[in-house]
Amino acid sequence: MKLLTANRLTDGRVIYLGEADAVVEAIDAARPLDAAAAEAALALAQSRPDVFVNPYLIEVEGRAPSGRDRLRESIRSIGPSVGHSLDFAARNETA
Protein backbone atom coordinates (compact mmCIF):
# COMPACT_ATOMS: atom_id res chain seq x y z
CA MET A 1 0.00 0.00 0.00
CA LYS A 2 0.98 3.62 -0.45
CA LEU A 3 0.21 7.04 1.01
CA LEU A 4 0.42 10.38 -0.74
CA THR A 5 2.47 12.99 1.08
CA ALA A 6 3.66 16.52 0.33
CA ASN A 7 4.30 19.82 2.04
CA ARG A 8 1.54 22.41 2.32
CA LEU A 9 2.19 25.57 0.32
CA THR A 10 0.99 28.02 2.96
CA ASP A 11 3.13 26.88 5.90
CA GLY A 12 5.41 24.06 4.73
CA ARG A 13 3.92 21.47 7.07
CA VAL A 14 3.88 17.81 6.07
CA ILE A 15 0.47 16.80 4.77
CA TYR A 16 -1.16 13.62 3.54
CA LEU A 17 -4.16 12.81 1.39
CA GLY A 18 -7.00 11.54 3.56
CA GLU A 19 -10.49 10.21 2.99
CA ALA A 20 -12.57 12.01 0.36
CA ASP A 21 -9.36 13.67 -0.90
CA ALA A 22 -9.15 15.83 2.24
CA VAL A 23 -5.80 17.24 3.31
CA VAL A 24 -4.75 15.82 6.70
CA GLU A 25 -1.68 16.45 8.88
CA ALA A 26 -1.54 13.13 10.74
CA ILE A 27 -0.18 10.03 9.05
CA ASP A 28 -2.80 8.02 10.96
CA ALA A 29 -5.53 9.94 9.11
CA ALA A 30 -4.00 9.34 5.67
CA ARG A 31 -5.85 7.09 3.24
CA PRO A 32 -3.97 3.92 2.21
CA LEU A 33 -3.95 3.56 -1.58
CA ASP A 34 -3.53 0.59 -3.89
CA ALA A 35 -1.41 1.03 -7.03
CA ALA A 36 -4.18 2.36 -9.28
CA ALA A 37 -5.63 4.69 -6.64
CA ALA A 38 -2.13 5.92 -5.78
CA GLU A 39 -1.45 7.06 -9.34
CA ALA A 40 -4.82 8.82 -9.50
CA ALA A 41 -4.16 10.52 -6.15
CA LEU A 42 -0.73 11.67 -7.30
CA ALA A 43 -2.27 13.19 -10.44
CA LEU A 44 -4.89 14.94 -8.29
CA ALA A 45 -2.26 16.39 -5.95
CA GLN A 46 -0.08 17.52 -8.84
CA SER A 47 -3.09 19.37 -10.25
CA ARG A 48 -3.42 21.35 -6.99
CA PRO A 49 -0.12 23.28 -6.66
CA ASP A 50 -1.92 25.84 -4.49
CA VAL A 51 -2.01 23.19 -1.73
CA PHE A 52 0.48 20.39 -2.44
CA VAL A 53 4.20 21.16 -2.84
CA ASN A 54 6.22 18.29 -4.33
CA PRO A 55 3.66 15.50 -3.78
CA TYR A 56 4.92 11.94 -3.90
CA LEU A 57 3.95 8.41 -2.87
CA ILE A 58 5.47 6.47 0.00
CA GLU A 59 5.35 2.76 0.74
CA VAL A 60 3.59 1.81 3.97
CA GLU A 61 2.72 -1.24 6.00
CA GLY A 62 -0.50 -0.35 7.76
CA ARG A 63 0.18 3.35 8.22
CA ALA A 64 3.85 3.01 9.12
CA PRO A 65 6.39 4.03 6.46
CA SER A 66 8.31 1.12 5.00
CA GLY A 67 10.80 0.60 2.22
CA ARG A 68 14.05 2.45 1.71
CA ASP A 69 12.77 5.84 2.91
CA ARG A 70 11.13 4.59 6.11
CA LEU A 71 13.42 6.52 8.48
CA ARG A 72 13.01 9.82 6.64
CA GLU A 73 9.24 9.43 6.41
CA SER A 74 8.97 8.41 10.07
CA ILE A 75 10.76 11.62 11.04
CA ARG A 76 8.60 13.72 8.68
CA SER A 77 5.40 12.22 10.12
CA ILE A 78 6.34 13.35 13.64
CA GLY A 79 6.69 16.96 12.59
CA PRO A 80 9.37 19.66 12.60
CA SER A 81 12.55 18.82 14.49
CA VAL A 82 14.43 22.14 14.69
CA GLY A 83 14.17 25.49 16.40
CA HIS A 84 10.85 26.76 17.69
CA SER A 85 9.12 24.01 15.73
CA LEU A 86 9.77 21.66 18.65
CA ASP A 87 7.11 23.61 20.53
CA PHE A 88 4.62 22.64 17.80
CA ALA A 89 5.35 18.93 18.34
CA ALA A 90 5.01 19.27 22.12
CA ARG A 91 1.65 21.05 21.80
CA ASN A 92 0.34 18.28 19.55
CA GLU A 93 1.37 15.54 21.98
CA THR A 94 -0.73 17.02 24.78
CA ALA A 95 -3.79 17.62 22.62
C-alpha atoms as a PDB file:
ATOM      1  CA  MET A   1       0.000   0.000   0.000  1.00  0.00           C
ATOM      2  CA  LYS A   2       0.976   3.620  -0.446  1.00  0.00           C
ATOM      3  CA  LEU A   3       0.215   7.036   1.012  1.00  0.00           C
ATOM      4  CA  LEU A   4       0.418  10.379  -0.735  1.00  0.00           C
ATOM      5  CA  THR A   5       2.468  12.993   1.080  1.00  0.00           C
ATOM      6  CA  ALA A   6       3.658  16.517   0.331  1.00  0.00           C
ATOM      7  CA  ASN A   7       4.299  19.824   2.037  1.00  0.00           C
ATOM      8  CA  ARG A   8       1.540  22.407   2.317  1.00  0.00           C
ATOM      9  CA  LEU A   9       2.189  25.571   0.317  1.00  0.00           C
ATOM     10  CA  THR A  10       0.986  28.019   2.964  1.00  0.00           C
ATOM     11  CA  ASP A  11       3.126  26.879   5.899  1.00  0.00           C
ATOM     12  CA  GLY A  12       5.409  24.057   4.734  1.00  0.00           C
ATOM     13  CA  ARG A  13       3.919  21.467   7.070  1.00  0.00           C
ATOM     14  CA  VAL A  14       3.878  17.813   6.069  1.00  0.00           C
ATOM     15  CA  ILE A  15       0.469  16.798   4.768  1.00  0.00           C
ATOM     16  CA  TYR A  16      -1.163  13.622   3.540  1.00  0.00           C
ATOM     17  CA  LEU A  17      -4.158  12.807   1.391  1.00  0.00           C
ATOM     18  CA  GLY A  18      -6.997  11.544   3.562  1.00  0.00           C
ATOM     19  CA  GLU A  19     -10.487  10.206   2.991  1.00  0.00           C
ATOM     20  CA  ALA A  20     -12.573  12.006   0.360  1.00  0.00           C
ATOM     21  CA  ASP A  21      -9.362  13.673  -0.897  1.00  0.00           C
ATOM     22  CA  ALA A  22      -9.149  15.828   2.236  1.00  0.00           C
ATOM     23  CA  VAL A  23      -5.800  17.242   3.313  1.00  0.00           C
ATOM     24  CA  VAL A  24      -4.746  15.820   6.701  1.00  0.00           C
ATOM     25  CA  GLU A  25      -1.679  16.455   8.880  1.00  0.00           C
ATOM     26  CA  ALA A  26      -1.537  13.133  10.741  1.00  0.00           C
ATOM     27  CA  ILE A  27      -0.179  10.028   9.047  1.00  0.00           C
ATOM     28  CA  ASP A  28      -2.804   8.018  10.960  1.00  0.00           C
ATOM     29  CA  ALA A  29      -5.534   9.938   9.108  1.00  0.00           C
ATOM     30  CA  ALA A  30      -4.000   9.340   5.666  1.00  0.00           C
ATOM     31  CA  ARG A  31      -5.854   7.086   3.241  1.00  0.00           C
ATOM     32  CA  PRO A  32      -3.966   3.919   2.212  1.00  0.00           C
ATOM     33  CA  LEU A  33      -3.954   3.556  -1.575  1.00  0.00           C
ATOM     34  CA  ASP A  34      -3.529   0.593  -3.886  1.00  0.00           C
ATOM     35  CA  ALA A  35      -1.408   1.032  -7.029  1.00  0.00           C
ATOM     36  CA  ALA A  36      -4.182   2.362  -9.279  1.00  0.00           C
ATOM     37  CA  ALA A  37      -5.633   4.694  -6.643  1.00  0.00           C
ATOM     38  CA  ALA A  38      -2.127   5.920  -5.777  1.00  0.00           C
ATOM     39  CA  GLU A  39      -1.445   7.065  -9.338  1.00  0.00           C
ATOM     40  CA  ALA A  40      -4.820   8.820  -9.501  1.00  0.00           C
ATOM     41  CA  ALA A  41      -4.156  10.517  -6.152  1.00  0.00           C
ATOM     42  CA  LEU A  42      -0.734  11.671  -7.302  1.00  0.00           C
ATOM     43  CA  ALA A  43      -2.275  13.188 -10.441  1.00  0.00           C
ATOM     44  CA  LEU A  44      -4.886  14.941  -8.287  1.00  0.00           C
ATOM     45  CA  ALA A  45      -2.263  16.388  -5.945  1.00  0.00           C
ATOM     46  CA  GLN A  46      -0.082  17.524  -8.842  1.00  0.00           C
ATOM     47  CA  SER A  47      -3.090  19.374 -10.248  1.00  0.00           C
ATOM     48  CA  ARG A  48      -3.417  21.348  -6.991  1.00  0.00           C
ATOM     49  CA  PRO A  49      -0.118  23.278  -6.663  1.00  0.00           C
ATOM     50  CA  ASP A  50      -1.915  25.838  -4.491  1.00  0.00           C
ATOM     51  CA  VAL A  51      -2.011  23.189  -1.729  1.00  0.00           C
ATOM     52  CA  PHE A  52       0.479  20.389  -2.439  1.00  0.00           C
ATOM     53  CA  VAL A  53       4.196  21.157  -2.845  1.00  0.00           C
ATOM     54  CA  ASN A  54       6.225  18.291  -4.333  1.00  0.00           C
ATOM     55  CA  PRO A  55       3.658  15.501  -3.777  1.00  0.00           C
ATOM     56  CA  TYR A  56       4.916  11.937  -3.902  1.00  0.00           C
ATOM     57  CA  LEU A  57       3.950   8.414  -2.869  1.00  0.00           C
ATOM     58  CA  ILE A  58       5.472   6.467   0.004  1.00  0.00           C
ATOM     59  CA  GLU A  59       5.345   2.761   0.737  1.00  0.00           C
ATOM     60  CA  VAL A  60       3.588   1.808   3.966  1.00  0.00           C
ATOM     61  CA  GLU A  61       2.717  -1.243   5.999  1.00  0.00           C
ATOM     62  CA  GLY A  62      -0.503  -0.350   7.760  1.00  0.00           C
ATOM     63  CA  ARG A  63       0.176   3.352   8.215  1.00  0.00           C
ATOM     64  CA  ALA A  64       3.852   3.007   9.118  1.00  0.00           C
ATOM     65  CA  PRO A  65       6.387   4.028   6.464  1.00  0.00           C
ATOM     66  CA  SER A  66       8.314   1.116   5.004  1.00  0.00           C
ATOM     67  CA  GLY A  67      10.804   0.605   2.219  1.00  0.00           C
ATOM     68  CA  ARG A  68      14.051   2.446   1.709  1.00  0.00           C
ATOM     69  CA  ASP A  69      12.772   5.838   2.909  1.00  0.00           C
ATOM     70  CA  ARG A  70      11.126   4.594   6.114  1.00  0.00           C
ATOM     71  CA  LEU A  71      13.425   6.520   8.482  1.00  0.00           C
ATOM     72  CA  ARG A  72      13.010   9.818   6.635  1.00  0.00           C
ATOM     73  CA  GLU A  73       9.238   9.428   6.408  1.00  0.00           C
ATOM     74  CA  SER A  74       8.972   8.406  10.066  1.00  0.00           C
ATOM     75  CA  ILE A  75      10.764  11.616  11.036  1.00  0.00           C
ATOM     76  CA  ARG A  76       8.602  13.719   8.684  1.00  0.00           C
ATOM     77  CA  SER A  77       5.404  12.216  10.118  1.00  0.00           C
ATOM     78  CA  ILE A  78       6.340  13.350  13.641  1.00  0.00           C
ATOM     79  CA  GLY A  79       6.689  16.965  12.592  1.00  0.00           C
ATOM     80  CA  PRO A  80       9.374  19.655  12.601  1.00  0.00           C
ATOM     81  CA  SER A  81      12.554  18.816  14.490  1.00  0.00           C
ATOM     82  CA  VAL A  82      14.431  22.138  14.692  1.00  0.00           C
ATOM     83  CA  GLY A  83      14.169  25.493  16.402  1.00  0.00           C
ATOM     84  CA  HIS A  84      10.847  26.762  17.686  1.00  0.00           C
ATOM     85  CA  SER A  85       9.119  24.012  15.727  1.00  0.00           C
ATOM     86  CA  LEU A  86       9.769  21.664  18.652  1.00  0.00           C
ATOM     87  CA  ASP A  87       7.114  23.615  20.534  1.00  0.00           C
ATOM     88  CA  PHE A  88       4.624  22.640  17.804  1.00  0.00           C
ATOM     89  CA  ALA A  89       5.350  18.928  18.337  1.00  0.00           C
ATOM     90  CA  ALA A  90       5.006  19.267  22.122  1.00  0.00           C
ATOM     91  CA  ARG A  91       1.648  21.046  21.804  1.00  0.00           C
ATOM     92  CA  ASN A  92       0.336  18.280  19.545  1.00  0.00           C
ATOM     93  CA  GLU A  93       1.372  15.542  21.984  1.00  0.00           C
ATOM     94  CA  THR A  94      -0.726  17.022  24.785  1.00  0.00           C
ATOM     95  CA  ALA A  95      -3.788  17.625  22.617  1.00  0.00           C
END
